[in-house]
């Protein structure tokens, strides 16, 4: 805990003769047996410094207060997805050190925000308490999107009714500016080609198996050396194997072994040169951003379910095709469904072919009854 020595007595206290806090009548300001002035000490708890640091970082543009679901249930523990900013004071030394973990908005200059936050914490602590911390460490624990997507999966919709044309134009301009900023931030600045995210290479599994076999061969060599040195009794395994091979003659079953070895060798060669399966799809407007096929399928299904008359939709995204199965409770124009699906997949660079299968709830019930 931090400690400050004050030069005045607590409010409402009548100083005794000889000075504040000096019952023995000593001179004012005389140092007592505990090393402090006899005029009194002001003890400041660590949580006071933590609260000051927390308010100081929130004054910086780009730092926001954020609370995760797990943290809200577990009392705001930042390590478990709790509340930010999270502050901690280390008072083990002569001068306290401050550690702050913050949540920042996207997009922002993270390095600049952290520098400004550290400087402001140091300044506010010195201004309000007179304590200058030995150091202020600022870390980023979470990146929060802007207000429109502050909660994952939710968006702030415009109010119902006729919107003002000027407000609509302003909103469109803001969206365009924000989109342009995101594109600029994610623009590739390197000259080399960026590889798309890919699946785990098959050669890695074969390499692990071969590595285990080589370790077994090394164990055989160690055993033969121990036998040769006379530490244990026995016959070297490699010597016995060499004698068996030298005394062997060609047998018909060796044809099968040779064929199997050729097949295994070709298979390992194919694993070494086979390109890895692409697991993500490149986005159209961003050079170094991809999305998963599963996420694109969820997007298409969500857009299809928003079409009036659609009760259920499920989507499977293949390499070059998107297959959607739609269940409707009223007749729906297929052109409307295709238009919605095209809008959903327009964000990817290579637009896949769309295949839509429609089924009616009423026809399913009738077919079930006939069956």
Protein backbone atom coordinates (compact mmCIF):
# COMPACT_ATOMS: atom_id res chain seq x y z
CA UNK A 1 0.00 0.00 0.00
CA UNK A 2 1.13 3.51 -0.68
CA UNK A 3 1.96 5.84 2.19
CA UNK A 4 2.05 9.63 2.26
CA UNK A 5 3.33 11.72 5.13
CA UNK A 6 1.17 14.78 5.78
CA UNK A 7 2.16 18.01 7.47
CA UNK A 8 -1.19 18.69 9.11
CA UNK A 9 -3.33 17.00 11.72
CA UNK A 10 -6.66 15.38 10.79
CA UNK A 11 -9.61 17.79 10.55
CA UNK A 12 -11.21 18.51 13.89
CA UNK A 13 -8.13 17.46 15.89
CA UNK A 14 -6.63 19.84 18.43
CA UNK A 15 -2.87 19.54 18.36
CA UNK A 16 -1.26 18.75 21.72
CA UNK A 17 1.36 20.99 23.25
CA UNK A 18 4.64 20.90 21.45
CA UNK A 19 3.29 20.14 17.97
CA UNK A 20 0.91 17.92 16.04
CA UNK A 21 1.05 14.32 17.22
CA UNK A 22 3.75 15.10 19.78
CA UNK A 23 2.35 14.13 23.21
CA UNK A 24 5.76 14.32 24.73
CA UNK A 25 6.16 18.00 24.05
CA UNK A 26 8.95 17.58 21.47
CA UNK A 27 9.75 20.02 18.75
CA UNK A 28 7.38 20.21 15.75
CA UNK A 29 8.44 17.98 12.88
CA UNK A 30 10.64 15.78 15.10
CA UNK A 31 11.06 12.25 13.66
CA UNK A 32 9.52 9.55 15.86
CA UNK A 33 10.75 6.05 16.66
CA UNK A 34 9.02 4.56 13.58
CA UNK A 35 10.87 6.81 11.11
CA UNK A 36 7.93 9.12 10.35
CA UNK A 37 7.16 12.65 11.36
CA UNK A 38 5.28 12.86 14.65
CA UNK A 39 2.81 15.12 12.90
CA UNK A 40 0.92 12.08 11.45
CA UNK A 41 0.73 9.75 8.42
CA UNK A 42 -1.82 9.48 5.65
CA UNK A 43 -2.24 5.83 4.60
CA UNK A 44 -3.54 5.40 1.07
CA UNK A 45 -4.96 2.03 0.05
CA UNK A 46 -3.90 0.36 -3.19
CA UNK A 47 -7.45 0.38 -4.50
CA UNK A 48 -7.42 4.19 -4.43
CA UNK A 49 -4.48 4.24 -6.83
CA UNK A 50 -6.22 1.58 -8.95
CA UNK A 51 -9.36 3.70 -9.25
CA UNK A 52 -7.36 6.79 -10.20
CA UNK A 53 -5.47 4.82 -12.85
CA UNK A 54 -8.72 3.38 -14.18
CA UNK A 55 -10.33 6.81 -14.56
CA UNK A 56 -7.12 8.18 -16.12
CA UNK A 57 -6.97 5.63 -18.94
CA UNK A 58 -10.66 6.13 -19.75
CA UNK A 59 -9.85 9.78 -20.56
CA UNK A 60 -7.77 8.64 -23.55
CA UNK A 61 -9.40 8.48 -26.98
CA UNK A 62 -9.56 4.86 -28.09
CA UNK A 63 -9.89 3.35 -24.59
CA UNK A 64 -13.37 2.11 -23.70
CA UNK A 65 -14.97 0.34 -20.77
CA UNK A 66 -15.88 -3.24 -21.67
CA UNK A 67 -17.31 -6.17 -19.74
CA UNK A 68 -17.43 -9.71 -21.11
CA UNK A 69 -20.12 -12.26 -20.35
CA UNK A 70 -17.84 -14.55 -18.38
CA UNK A 71 -16.40 -11.63 -16.46
CA UNK A 72 -19.85 -10.35 -15.56
CA UNK A 73 -20.79 -13.74 -14.11
CA UNK A 74 -17.47 -14.18 -12.29
CA UNK A 75 -17.25 -10.74 -10.75
CA UNK A 76 -15.34 -8.91 -13.46
CA UNK A 77 -12.16 -10.99 -13.53
CA UNK A 78 -10.26 -9.62 -16.53
CA UNK A 79 -8.30 -12.82 -17.13
CA UNK A 80 -11.57 -14.67 -17.56
CA UNK A 81 -13.12 -12.18 -19.96
CA UNK A 82 -14.06 -9.66 -17.26
CA UNK A 83 -14.20 -5.89 -17.18
CA UNK A 84 -11.75 -3.45 -18.69
CA UNK A 85 -9.87 -1.31 -17.78
CA UNK A 86 -8.37 -3.63 -15.19
CA UNK A 87 -5.73 -2.13 -12.89
CA UNK A 88 -3.27 -3.63 -10.41
CA UNK A 89 -0.84 -1.90 -8.06
CA UNK A 90 2.46 -3.53 -7.07
CA UNK A 91 3.52 -1.85 -3.82
CA UNK A 92 6.27 -4.33 -2.94
CA UNK A 93 8.96 -1.74 -3.63
CA UNK A 94 9.59 1.70 -2.22
CA UNK A 95 7.60 3.26 -5.07
CA UNK A 96 4.47 1.54 -6.42
CA UNK A 97 4.26 0.21 -9.98
CA UNK A 98 1.01 0.31 -11.94
CA UNK A 99 -0.20 -2.36 -14.36
CA UNK A 100 -3.23 -1.53 -16.53
CA UNK A 101 -5.06 -3.74 -19.04
CA UNK A 102 -7.44 -1.86 -21.34
CA UNK A 103 -9.97 -2.45 -24.10
CA UNK A 104 -9.48 -0.38 -27.24
CA UNK A 105 -11.76 0.41 -30.15
CA UNK A 106 -11.26 -0.83 -33.69
CA UNK A 107 -9.63 0.67 -35.62
CA UNK A 108 -7.07 2.65 -33.60
CA UNK A 109 -3.33 3.17 -33.24
CA UNK A 110 -2.71 0.74 -30.40
CA UNK A 111 0.86 1.87 -29.70
CA UNK A 112 -0.13 5.54 -29.47
CA UNK A 113 -3.12 4.77 -27.24
CA UNK A 114 -0.93 2.76 -24.84
CA UNK A 115 1.69 5.53 -24.67
CA UNK A 116 -0.93 8.21 -24.00
CA UNK A 117 -2.63 6.04 -21.38
CA UNK A 118 0.63 5.40 -19.51
CA UNK A 119 1.54 9.10 -19.56
CA UNK A 120 -1.91 10.16 -18.34
CA UNK A 121 -1.90 7.61 -15.50
CA UNK A 122 1.49 8.82 -14.32
CA UNK A 123 0.41 12.46 -14.52
CA UNK A 124 -2.91 11.97 -12.70
CA UNK A 125 -1.37 9.90 -9.91
CA UNK A 126 1.27 12.53 -9.28
CA UNK A 127 -1.28 15.36 -9.44
CA UNK A 128 -3.86 13.77 -7.13
CA UNK A 129 -1.69 11.83 -4.67
CA UNK A 130 1.80 13.23 -4.98
CA UNK A 131 3.09 9.73 -5.81
CA UNK A 132 5.09 9.24 -8.98
CA UNK A 133 4.99 5.53 -9.90
CA UNK A 134 8.21 3.75 -10.77
CA UNK A 135 6.63 2.49 -13.99
CA UNK A 136 3.26 2.20 -15.70
CA UNK A 137 2.68 -0.90 -17.84
CA UNK A 138 -0.28 -0.75 -20.24
CA UNK A 139 -1.52 -3.85 -22.07
CA UNK A 140 -4.42 -4.47 -24.45
CA UNK A 141 -6.78 -7.20 -23.32
CA UNK A 142 -9.60 -6.75 -25.82
CA UNK A 143 -10.37 -5.02 -29.10
CA UNK A 144 -13.95 -3.75 -29.35
CA UNK A 145 -15.63 -2.82 -32.61
CA UNK A 146 -17.44 0.47 -33.06
CA UNK A 147 -20.83 1.28 -31.56
CA UNK A 148 -22.75 -0.29 -34.41
CA UNK A 149 -21.32 -3.74 -33.59
CA UNK A 150 -20.45 -3.33 -29.92
CA UNK A 151 -22.37 -6.52 -29.15
CA UNK A 152 -21.51 -9.50 -31.29
CA UNK A 153 -24.38 -10.47 -33.55
CA UNK A 154 -26.42 -7.31 -32.94
CA UNK A 155 -26.71 -4.06 -34.87
CA UNK A 156 -28.33 -0.76 -34.06
CA UNK A 157 -31.20 -0.26 -36.51
CA UNK A 158 -32.45 3.18 -37.60
CA UNK A 159 -35.71 4.38 -36.06
CA UNK A 160 -38.97 3.49 -37.77
CA UNK A 161 -40.65 6.04 -39.96
CA UNK A 162 -39.45 8.42 -42.64
CA UNK A 163 -35.78 9.24 -42.16
CA UNK A 164 -34.40 12.64 -42.94
CA UNK A 165 -32.52 12.68 -46.26
CA UNK A 166 -29.62 14.62 -44.80
CA UNK A 167 -29.22 12.13 -41.95
CA UNK A 168 -29.28 9.23 -44.41
CA UNK A 169 -26.60 10.85 -46.54
CA UNK A 170 -24.49 11.51 -43.46
CA UNK A 171 -24.81 7.89 -42.36
CA UNK A 172 -23.83 6.65 -45.81
CA UNK A 173 -20.84 8.98 -45.84
CA UNK A 174 -19.76 7.75 -42.41
CA UNK A 175 -20.09 4.11 -43.48
CA UNK A 176 -18.08 4.76 -46.63
CA UNK A 177 -15.37 6.54 -44.65
CA UNK A 178 -15.23 3.75 -42.09
CA UNK A 179 -15.07 1.11 -44.83
CA UNK A 180 -12.29 3.03 -46.57
CA UNK A 181 -10.32 3.25 -43.30
CA UNK A 182 -10.64 -0.50 -42.76
CA UNK A 183 -9.51 -1.21 -46.33
CA UNK A 184 -6.50 1.09 -45.88
CA UNK A 185 -5.54 -0.60 -42.62
CA UNK A 186 -5.76 -4.09 -44.11
CA UNK A 187 -3.92 -3.21 -47.32
CA UNK A 188 -0.94 -5.46 -47.95
CA UNK A 189 2.33 -3.56 -47.63
CA UNK A 190 4.68 -6.42 -48.53
CA UNK A 191 5.84 -7.37 -52.01
CA UNK A 192 5.67 -11.10 -51.47
CA UNK A 193 2.55 -13.14 -52.16
CA UNK A 194 0.41 -13.88 -49.13
CA UNK A 195 -0.57 -17.52 -48.74
CA UNK A 196 -4.17 -18.24 -47.87
CA UNK A 197 -4.89 -20.16 -44.63
CA UNK A 198 -4.61 -23.89 -45.33
CA UNK A 199 -5.29 -27.16 -43.58
CA UNK A 200 -2.74 -29.17 -41.61
CA UNK A 201 -0.24 -30.77 -44.06
CA UNK A 202 -0.60 -34.52 -44.48
CA UNK A 203 3.18 -34.91 -44.68
CA UNK A 204 3.43 -33.79 -41.06
CA UNK A 205 1.65 -36.93 -39.85
CA UNK A 206 3.79 -39.19 -42.02
CA UNK A 207 6.87 -37.31 -40.84
CA UNK A 208 5.89 -37.90 -37.21
CA UNK A 209 5.51 -41.64 -37.86
CA UNK A 210 8.87 -41.81 -39.64
CA UNK A 211 10.42 -39.90 -36.73
CA UNK A 212 9.12 -42.48 -34.27
CA UNK A 213 10.54 -45.29 -36.41
CA UNK A 214 13.91 -43.55 -36.55
CA UNK A 215 13.90 -43.22 -32.77
CA UNK A 216 13.30 -46.97 -32.57
CA UNK A 217 16.26 -47.55 -34.91
CA UNK A 218 18.38 -45.31 -32.69
CA UNK A 219 17.34 -47.40 -29.67
CA UNK A 220 18.53 -50.52 -31.50
CA UNK A 221 21.89 -48.87 -32.15
CA UNK A 222 22.22 -47.89 -28.49
CA UNK A 223 21.44 -51.49 -27.45
CA UNK A 224 24.14 -52.87 -29.77
CA UNK A 225 26.73 -50.42 -28.41
CA UNK A 226 25.91 -51.42 -24.84
CA UNK A 227 26.32 -55.10 -25.77
CA UNK A 228 29.65 -54.41 -27.51
CA UNK A 229 31.01 -52.55 -24.50
CA UNK A 230 30.17 -55.56 -22.36
CA UNK A 231 27.77 -53.76 -20.06
CA UNK A 232 25.07 -56.37 -20.77
CA UNK A 233 25.20 -59.88 -22.18
CA UNK A 234 23.62 -60.77 -25.49
CA UNK A 235 23.99 -60.57 -29.26
CA UNK A 236 23.79 -57.28 -31.19
CA UNK A 237 20.45 -57.05 -32.99
CA UNK A 238 21.95 -55.50 -36.12
CA UNK A 239 24.47 -58.35 -36.41
CA UNK A 240 21.71 -60.96 -36.14
CA UNK A 241 19.62 -59.11 -38.74
CA UNK A 242 22.56 -58.86 -41.15
CA UNK A 243 23.24 -62.58 -40.86
CA UNK A 244 19.56 -63.38 -41.48
CA UNK A 245 19.48 -61.18 -44.58
CA UNK A 246 22.74 -62.66 -45.91
CA UNK A 247 21.47 -66.22 -45.50
CA UNK A 248 18.04 -65.55 -47.01
CA UNK A 249 17.07 -66.51 -50.56
CA UNK A 250 14.36 -65.09 -52.78
CA UNK A 251 10.85 -66.14 -51.81
CA UNK A 252 7.53 -65.51 -53.53
CA UNK A 253 6.13 -63.54 -50.62
CA UNK A 254 8.84 -60.93 -51.20
CA UNK A 255 6.94 -59.77 -54.31
CA UNK A 256 4.10 -58.59 -52.10
CA UNK A 257 6.52 -56.79 -49.78
CA UNK A 258 8.18 -55.04 -52.72
CA UNK A 259 4.84 -53.89 -54.13
CA UNK A 260 3.74 -52.57 -50.73
CA UNK A 261 7.01 -50.66 -50.30
CA UNK A 262 6.63 -49.09 -53.75
CA UNK A 263 3.08 -48.00 -52.96
CA UNK A 264 4.13 -46.56 -49.59
CA UNK A 265 7.01 -44.68 -51.21
CA UNK A 266 4.75 -43.17 -53.88
CA UNK A 267 2.19 -42.24 -51.22
CA UNK A 268 4.83 -40.47 -49.12
CA UNK A 269 6.09 -38.65 -52.21
CA UNK A 270 2.54 -37.49 -52.97
CA UNK A 271 2.09 -36.25 -49.40
CA UNK A 272 5.30 -34.25 -49.71
CA UNK A 273 4.30 -32.42 -52.90
CA UNK A 274 0.51 -32.29 -52.47
CA UNK A 275 -0.76 -28.73 -51.95
CA UNK A 276 -2.59 -28.16 -48.71
CA UNK A 277 -6.35 -27.80 -48.77
CA UNK A 278 -7.52 -24.18 -48.53
CA UNK A 279 -9.70 -23.68 -45.46
CA UNK A 280 -10.68 -20.03 -46.00
CA UNK A 281 -12.11 -17.86 -48.77
CA UNK A 282 -10.53 -14.52 -49.65
CA UNK A 283 -12.69 -11.44 -49.24
CA UNK A 284 -13.21 -9.17 -52.22
CA UNK A 285 -12.27 -5.72 -50.87
CA UNK A 286 -9.40 -6.75 -48.59
CA UNK A 287 -6.00 -8.03 -49.64
CA UNK A 288 -5.07 -9.94 -46.49
CA UNK A 289 -8.43 -10.98 -45.04
CA UNK A 290 -10.24 -14.30 -45.40
CA UNK A 291 -13.38 -15.91 -44.06
CA UNK A 292 -14.20 -19.53 -43.29
CA UNK A 293 -16.63 -21.52 -45.39
CA UNK A 294 -18.73 -22.18 -42.32
CA UNK A 295 -19.04 -18.46 -41.60
CA UNK A 296 -20.10 -17.79 -45.20
CA UNK A 297 -22.70 -20.56 -44.90
CA UNK A 298 -24.11 -18.97 -41.72
CA UNK A 299 -24.25 -15.61 -43.46
CA UNK A 300 -26.17 -17.03 -46.42
CA UNK A 301 -28.60 -18.91 -44.15
CA UNK A 302 -29.22 -15.79 -42.07
CA UNK A 303 -29.92 -13.68 -45.17
CA UNK A 304 -32.24 -16.33 -46.59
CA UNK A 305 -34.21 -16.54 -43.34
CA UNK A 306 -34.72 -12.77 -43.48
CA UNK A 307 -36.71 -13.14 -46.72
CA UNK A 308 -40.47 -12.96 -45.98
CA UNK A 309 -42.05 -16.38 -46.19
CA UNK A 310 -38.89 -18.39 -45.42
CA UNK A 311 -39.27 -20.53 -42.30
CA UNK A 312 -35.91 -22.31 -42.32
CA UNK A 313 -32.69 -22.31 -44.36
CA UNK A 314 -29.54 -24.42 -44.25
CA UNK A 315 -26.44 -23.86 -46.37
CA UNK A 316 -23.36 -25.86 -47.33
CA UNK A 317 -20.42 -24.06 -48.97
CA UNK A 318 -18.26 -26.16 -51.29
CA UNK A 319 -15.13 -25.05 -53.12
CA UNK A 320 -16.97 -23.52 -56.07
CA UNK A 321 -20.62 -23.92 -55.18
CA UNK A 322 -23.06 -22.83 -52.48
CA UNK A 323 -26.00 -25.17 -51.87
CA UNK A 324 -28.93 -23.80 -49.89
CA UNK A 325 -32.04 -25.69 -48.80
CA UNK A 326 -34.97 -23.37 -48.04
CA UNK A 327 -38.24 -24.30 -46.34
CA UNK A 328 -41.09 -21.84 -46.91
CA UNK A 329 -44.49 -21.51 -45.29
CA UNK A 330 -45.90 -19.33 -48.14
CA UNK A 331 -45.02 -19.20 -51.84
CA UNK A 332 -41.77 -17.24 -52.41
CA UNK A 333 -40.40 -16.02 -55.72
CA UNK A 334 -37.18 -17.88 -56.58
CA UNK A 335 -35.74 -14.71 -58.12
CA UNK A 336 -35.97 -13.03 -54.71
CA UNK A 337 -34.14 -15.96 -53.10
CA UNK A 338 -31.38 -15.89 -55.72
CA UNK A 339 -30.99 -12.12 -55.31
CA UNK A 340 -30.65 -12.47 -51.52
CA UNK A 341 -28.11 -15.28 -51.88
CA UNK A 342 -26.06 -13.27 -54.40
CA UNK A 343 -25.97 -10.32 -52.00
CA UNK A 344 -24.79 -12.64 -49.20
CA UNK A 345 -21.85 -14.04 -51.18
CA UNK A 346 -20.89 -10.78 -52.86
CA UNK A 347 -18.29 -10.11 -50.16
CA UNK A 348 -15.97 -12.90 -51.37
CA UNK A 349 -13.52 -12.42 -54.23
CA UNK A 350 -14.58 -15.37 -56.39
CA UNK A 351 -18.36 -15.52 -56.41
CA UNK A 352 -19.41 -19.19 -56.23
CA UNK A 353 -22.30 -20.74 -58.12
CA UNK A 354 -25.52 -20.77 -56.10
CA UNK A 355 -27.91 -23.70 -56.00
CA UNK A 356 -31.20 -23.24 -54.12
CA UNK A 357 -33.65 -26.01 -53.27
CA UNK A 358 -37.06 -24.92 -52.00
CA UNK A 359 -39.57 -26.97 -50.06
CA UNK A 360 -42.94 -25.99 -48.70
CA UNK A 361 -44.04 -26.73 -45.14
CA UNK A 362 -47.53 -27.61 -46.35
CA UNK A 363 -46.26 -29.99 -49.03
CA UNK A 364 -44.04 -31.72 -46.48
CA UNK A 365 -46.96 -32.22 -44.16
CA UNK A 366 -49.07 -33.59 -47.02
CA UNK A 367 -46.31 -35.96 -48.16
CA UNK A 368 -45.82 -37.14 -44.61
CA UNK A 369 -49.51 -37.83 -44.28
CA UNK A 370 -49.62 -39.75 -47.56
CA UNK A 371 -46.64 -41.85 -46.49
